[in-house]
């Protein structure tokens, strides 16, 4: 099981604006070594842009270089996020001890 929308994209302002939709769904952030975080949100593009602005957080310190996403309804998001967290075991989800209700 992986993200339904395909391969990872570059985690830059330009790439997020070009590739991330402004819709409900789940997303994941990664670098060359690991999955860093999987979240759920009402607006994938807006939430990724917020993450790009982070400077002194666990997530930013892991230096994400890629993102993946999939569109899903608000009803399905938390279930899908939890399934992806179980599959990929992202660092920040494990470290922070939660898998649900982090998105916006």
N, C-alpha and C. Protein backbone atom coordinates (compact mmCIF):
# COMPACT_ATOMS: atom_id res chain seq x y z
N UNK A 1 0.84 -1.17 0.00
CA UNK A 1 0.00 0.00 0.00
C UNK A 1 0.89 1.24 0.00
N UNK A 2 0.59 2.17 -0.88
CA UNK A 2 1.28 3.44 -0.91
C UNK A 2 0.27 4.53 -1.25
N UNK A 3 0.75 5.73 -1.48
CA UNK A 3 -0.15 6.82 -1.82
C UNK A 3 -0.74 6.59 -3.21
N UNK A 4 -2.05 6.76 -3.33
CA UNK A 4 -2.76 6.47 -4.57
C UNK A 4 -2.42 7.43 -5.71
N UNK A 5 -1.95 8.63 -5.40
CA UNK A 5 -1.68 9.63 -6.43
C UNK A 5 -0.31 9.46 -7.08
N UNK A 6 0.38 8.37 -6.80
CA UNK A 6 1.63 8.09 -7.50
C UNK A 6 2.87 8.48 -6.76
N UNK A 7 3.91 8.80 -7.53
CA UNK A 7 5.25 9.00 -6.99
C UNK A 7 5.40 10.31 -6.22
N UNK A 8 6.47 10.36 -5.45
CA UNK A 8 6.79 11.55 -4.66
C UNK A 8 7.20 12.70 -5.58
N UNK A 9 6.90 13.89 -5.12
CA UNK A 9 7.26 15.10 -5.83
C UNK A 9 8.21 15.91 -4.95
N UNK A 10 8.92 16.81 -5.56
CA UNK A 10 9.88 17.65 -4.83
C UNK A 10 9.14 18.55 -3.84
N UNK A 11 9.65 18.63 -2.62
CA UNK A 11 9.01 19.43 -1.58
C UNK A 11 9.57 20.85 -1.61
N UNK A 12 9.13 21.61 -2.60
CA UNK A 12 9.50 23.01 -2.77
C UNK A 12 8.22 23.82 -2.97
N UNK A 13 8.31 25.13 -2.78
CA UNK A 13 7.15 26.00 -2.98
C UNK A 13 6.59 25.81 -4.39
N UNK A 14 7.47 25.85 -5.38
CA UNK A 14 7.02 25.74 -6.76
C UNK A 14 6.31 24.41 -7.03
N UNK A 15 6.89 23.32 -6.56
CA UNK A 15 6.31 22.00 -6.79
C UNK A 15 4.99 21.83 -6.05
N UNK A 16 4.91 22.32 -4.83
CA UNK A 16 3.65 22.23 -4.08
C UNK A 16 2.56 23.01 -4.80
N UNK A 17 2.87 24.23 -5.23
CA UNK A 17 1.87 25.03 -5.95
C UNK A 17 1.41 24.34 -7.23
N UNK A 18 2.35 23.72 -7.93
CA UNK A 18 2.05 23.08 -9.21
C UNK A 18 1.33 21.75 -9.06
N UNK A 19 1.71 20.95 -8.07
CA UNK A 19 1.27 19.56 -7.99
C UNK A 19 0.26 19.22 -6.91
N UNK A 20 0.23 19.97 -5.82
CA UNK A 20 -0.65 19.63 -4.71
C UNK A 20 -2.03 20.29 -4.89
N UNK A 21 -3.08 19.52 -4.83
CA UNK A 21 -4.42 20.08 -5.00
C UNK A 21 -4.93 20.76 -3.72
N UNK A 22 -5.87 21.64 -3.90
CA UNK A 22 -6.50 22.33 -2.77
C UNK A 22 -7.78 21.58 -2.41
N UNK A 23 -7.60 20.33 -1.99
CA UNK A 23 -8.73 19.46 -1.66
C UNK A 23 -8.41 18.65 -0.40
N UNK A 24 -9.43 18.02 0.11
CA UNK A 24 -9.30 17.13 1.26
C UNK A 24 -8.46 15.91 0.90
N UNK A 25 -7.62 15.48 1.85
CA UNK A 25 -6.85 14.27 1.61
C UNK A 25 -5.80 14.01 2.66
N UNK A 26 -4.91 13.10 2.32
CA UNK A 26 -3.77 12.74 3.17
C UNK A 26 -2.49 13.04 2.40
N UNK A 27 -1.40 13.24 3.14
CA UNK A 27 -0.13 13.56 2.51
C UNK A 27 1.00 12.97 3.34
N UNK A 28 2.13 12.79 2.71
CA UNK A 28 3.31 12.31 3.40
C UNK A 28 4.52 13.12 3.01
N UNK A 29 5.43 13.32 3.94
CA UNK A 29 6.69 14.01 3.71
C UNK A 29 7.83 13.04 3.95
N UNK A 30 8.84 13.10 3.08
CA UNK A 30 9.94 12.16 3.18
C UNK A 30 11.25 12.84 2.79
N UNK A 31 12.35 12.13 3.07
CA UNK A 31 13.66 12.49 2.53
C UNK A 31 14.24 11.21 1.94
N UNK A 32 15.47 11.23 1.56
CA UNK A 32 16.07 10.07 0.90
C UNK A 32 16.18 8.85 1.83
N UNK A 33 16.12 9.08 3.14
CA UNK A 33 16.31 8.00 4.11
C UNK A 33 15.03 7.44 4.71
N UNK A 34 13.99 8.27 4.80
CA UNK A 34 12.84 7.85 5.60
C UNK A 34 11.58 8.64 5.27
N UNK A 35 10.45 8.07 5.66
CA UNK A 35 9.21 8.83 5.72
C UNK A 35 9.27 9.63 7.01
N UNK A 36 8.96 10.89 6.93
CA UNK A 36 9.07 11.78 8.08
C UNK A 36 7.73 11.98 8.76
N UNK A 37 6.69 12.21 7.97
CA UNK A 37 5.38 12.52 8.56
C UNK A 37 4.28 12.17 7.57
N UNK A 38 3.17 11.66 8.10
CA UNK A 38 1.94 11.46 7.33
C UNK A 38 0.83 12.21 8.06
N UNK A 39 0.09 13.04 7.33
CA UNK A 39 -0.97 13.82 7.93
C UNK A 39 -2.23 13.83 7.08
N UNK A 40 -3.27 14.41 7.63
CA UNK A 40 -4.53 14.56 6.93
C UNK A 40 -4.98 16.01 7.06
N UNK A 41 -5.73 16.48 6.06
CA UNK A 41 -6.08 17.89 6.03
C UNK A 41 -7.26 18.16 5.12
N UNK A 42 -7.90 19.31 5.32
CA UNK A 42 -8.97 19.76 4.43
C UNK A 42 -8.42 20.31 3.12
N UNK A 43 -7.16 20.79 3.14
CA UNK A 43 -6.56 21.42 1.96
C UNK A 43 -5.09 20.99 1.88
N UNK A 44 -4.81 20.04 1.01
CA UNK A 44 -3.46 19.49 0.92
C UNK A 44 -2.43 20.56 0.60
N UNK A 45 -2.70 21.39 -0.40
CA UNK A 45 -1.73 22.41 -0.80
C UNK A 45 -1.45 23.39 0.34
N UNK A 46 -2.47 23.90 0.98
CA UNK A 46 -2.29 24.87 2.06
C UNK A 46 -1.49 24.26 3.22
N UNK A 47 -1.78 23.03 3.57
CA UNK A 47 -1.07 22.40 4.69
C UNK A 47 0.40 22.17 4.36
N UNK A 48 0.69 21.76 3.11
CA UNK A 48 2.09 21.58 2.71
C UNK A 48 2.82 22.92 2.72
N UNK A 49 2.16 23.99 2.31
CA UNK A 49 2.79 25.31 2.34
C UNK A 49 3.11 25.72 3.79
N UNK A 50 2.23 25.38 4.71
CA UNK A 50 2.51 25.65 6.14
C UNK A 50 3.75 24.89 6.59
N UNK A 51 3.86 23.63 6.21
CA UNK A 51 5.03 22.84 6.58
C UNK A 51 6.31 23.44 5.99
N UNK A 52 6.24 23.97 4.79
CA UNK A 52 7.42 24.58 4.17
C UNK A 52 7.93 25.78 4.97
N UNK A 53 7.05 26.44 5.71
CA UNK A 53 7.43 27.62 6.51
C UNK A 53 8.02 27.26 7.87
N UNK A 54 7.89 25.99 8.28
CA UNK A 54 8.41 25.58 9.58
C UNK A 54 9.93 25.67 9.59
N UNK A 55 10.47 26.09 10.73
CA UNK A 55 11.92 26.21 10.81
C UNK A 55 12.52 25.39 11.96
N UNK A 56 11.97 25.47 13.13
CA UNK A 56 12.57 24.81 14.28
C UNK A 56 11.61 23.78 14.86
N UNK A 57 11.26 22.80 14.05
CA UNK A 57 10.37 21.72 14.48
C UNK A 57 11.03 20.39 14.17
N UNK A 58 10.52 19.32 14.78
CA UNK A 58 11.04 17.98 14.49
C UNK A 58 10.95 17.70 12.99
N UNK A 59 9.83 18.09 12.40
CA UNK A 59 9.64 17.84 10.98
C UNK A 59 10.69 18.59 10.15
N UNK A 60 10.86 19.87 10.38
CA UNK A 60 11.84 20.66 9.62
C UNK A 60 13.26 20.14 9.83
N UNK A 61 13.56 19.72 11.04
CA UNK A 61 14.90 19.21 11.34
C UNK A 61 15.23 17.91 10.60
N UNK A 62 14.21 17.17 10.15
CA UNK A 62 14.43 15.95 9.38
C UNK A 62 14.67 16.26 7.90
N UNK A 63 14.53 17.51 7.51
CA UNK A 63 14.80 18.01 6.15
C UNK A 63 14.04 17.24 5.06
N UNK A 64 12.71 17.40 5.04
CA UNK A 64 11.94 16.73 4.00
C UNK A 64 12.31 17.27 2.61
N UNK A 65 12.40 16.37 1.65
CA UNK A 65 12.73 16.74 0.28
C UNK A 65 11.64 16.33 -0.70
N UNK A 66 10.69 15.51 -0.26
CA UNK A 66 9.64 15.05 -1.15
C UNK A 66 8.31 14.96 -0.45
N UNK A 67 7.24 14.99 -1.26
CA UNK A 67 5.90 14.80 -0.70
C UNK A 67 5.09 13.91 -1.64
N UNK A 68 4.13 13.24 -1.06
CA UNK A 68 3.16 12.44 -1.80
C UNK A 68 1.80 12.74 -1.19
N UNK A 69 0.75 12.46 -1.92
CA UNK A 69 -0.59 12.74 -1.41
C UNK A 69 -1.60 11.85 -2.10
N UNK A 70 -2.79 11.86 -1.52
CA UNK A 70 -3.95 11.30 -2.21
C UNK A 70 -5.19 12.02 -1.73
N UNK A 71 -6.07 12.21 -2.64
CA UNK A 71 -7.35 12.85 -2.34
C UNK A 71 -8.25 11.84 -1.64
N UNK A 72 -8.94 12.28 -0.61
CA UNK A 72 -9.96 11.44 -0.01
C UNK A 72 -10.92 12.33 0.77
N UNK A 73 -12.09 11.82 0.99
CA UNK A 73 -13.12 12.60 1.66
C UNK A 73 -12.77 12.81 3.13
N UNK A 74 -13.35 13.84 3.73
CA UNK A 74 -13.12 14.07 5.17
C UNK A 74 -13.48 12.85 6.02
N UNK A 75 -14.47 12.10 5.62
CA UNK A 75 -14.88 10.90 6.37
C UNK A 75 -13.80 9.82 6.33
N UNK A 76 -13.09 9.71 5.22
CA UNK A 76 -12.08 8.66 5.03
C UNK A 76 -10.68 9.04 5.51
N UNK A 77 -10.43 10.33 5.69
CA UNK A 77 -9.06 10.81 5.90
C UNK A 77 -8.34 10.17 7.08
N UNK A 78 -8.93 10.18 8.24
CA UNK A 78 -8.23 9.68 9.44
C UNK A 78 -7.95 8.19 9.31
N UNK A 79 -8.91 7.44 8.80
CA UNK A 79 -8.68 6.00 8.58
C UNK A 79 -7.52 5.79 7.60
N UNK A 80 -7.51 6.54 6.52
CA UNK A 80 -6.44 6.39 5.52
C UNK A 80 -5.09 6.83 6.09
N UNK A 81 -5.09 7.93 6.84
CA UNK A 81 -3.85 8.39 7.48
C UNK A 81 -3.30 7.30 8.39
N UNK A 82 -4.15 6.73 9.21
CA UNK A 82 -3.70 5.70 10.15
C UNK A 82 -3.13 4.49 9.42
N UNK A 83 -3.75 4.11 8.30
CA UNK A 83 -3.24 2.98 7.52
C UNK A 83 -1.86 3.30 6.95
N UNK A 84 -1.67 4.51 6.47
CA UNK A 84 -0.37 4.91 5.92
C UNK A 84 0.70 5.02 7.01
N UNK A 85 0.31 5.52 8.16
CA UNK A 85 1.26 5.60 9.29
C UNK A 85 1.69 4.19 9.70
N UNK A 86 0.76 3.28 9.76
CA UNK A 86 1.11 1.90 10.12
C UNK A 86 2.04 1.30 9.07
N UNK A 87 1.80 1.59 7.81
CA UNK A 87 2.61 1.03 6.71
C UNK A 87 4.02 1.62 6.69
N UNK A 88 4.13 2.96 6.76
CA UNK A 88 5.42 3.64 6.57
C UNK A 88 6.17 3.94 7.87
N UNK A 89 5.47 3.96 9.01
CA UNK A 89 6.07 4.28 10.31
C UNK A 89 6.91 5.56 10.26
N UNK A 90 6.31 6.68 9.89
CA UNK A 90 7.06 7.94 9.77
C UNK A 90 7.63 8.40 11.12
N UNK A 91 8.82 8.95 11.06
CA UNK A 91 9.55 9.37 12.25
C UNK A 91 8.72 10.28 13.16
N UNK A 92 8.18 11.35 12.63
CA UNK A 92 7.48 12.32 13.48
C UNK A 92 6.19 11.76 14.06
N UNK A 93 5.46 10.95 13.32
CA UNK A 93 4.26 10.34 13.88
C UNK A 93 4.61 9.44 15.06
N UNK A 94 5.68 8.66 14.94
CA UNK A 94 6.12 7.80 16.04
C UNK A 94 6.61 8.63 17.21
N UNK A 95 7.44 9.61 16.93
CA UNK A 95 8.05 10.43 17.97
C UNK A 95 7.02 11.21 18.77
N UNK A 96 6.02 11.74 18.08
CA UNK A 96 5.01 12.57 18.74
C UNK A 96 3.90 11.72 19.35
N UNK A 97 3.89 10.43 19.02
CA UNK A 97 2.95 9.52 19.66
C UNK A 97 1.51 9.66 19.22
N UNK A 98 1.29 10.21 18.04
CA UNK A 98 -0.09 10.29 17.56
C UNK A 98 -0.16 9.96 16.08
N UNK A 99 -1.35 9.55 15.69
CA UNK A 99 -1.58 9.25 14.29
C UNK A 99 -2.81 9.96 13.76
N UNK A 100 -3.59 10.56 14.63
CA UNK A 100 -4.81 11.19 14.15
C UNK A 100 -4.89 12.65 14.59
N UNK A 101 -5.76 13.35 13.90
CA UNK A 101 -6.14 14.73 14.26
C UNK A 101 -4.99 15.73 14.26
N UNK A 102 -4.01 15.57 13.40
CA UNK A 102 -2.94 16.56 13.28
C UNK A 102 -3.18 17.49 12.10
N UNK A 103 -3.96 17.05 11.14
CA UNK A 103 -4.23 17.86 9.95
C UNK A 103 -5.17 19.01 10.24
N UNK A 104 -5.30 19.84 9.22
CA UNK A 104 -6.21 20.98 9.34
C UNK A 104 -7.11 21.04 8.15
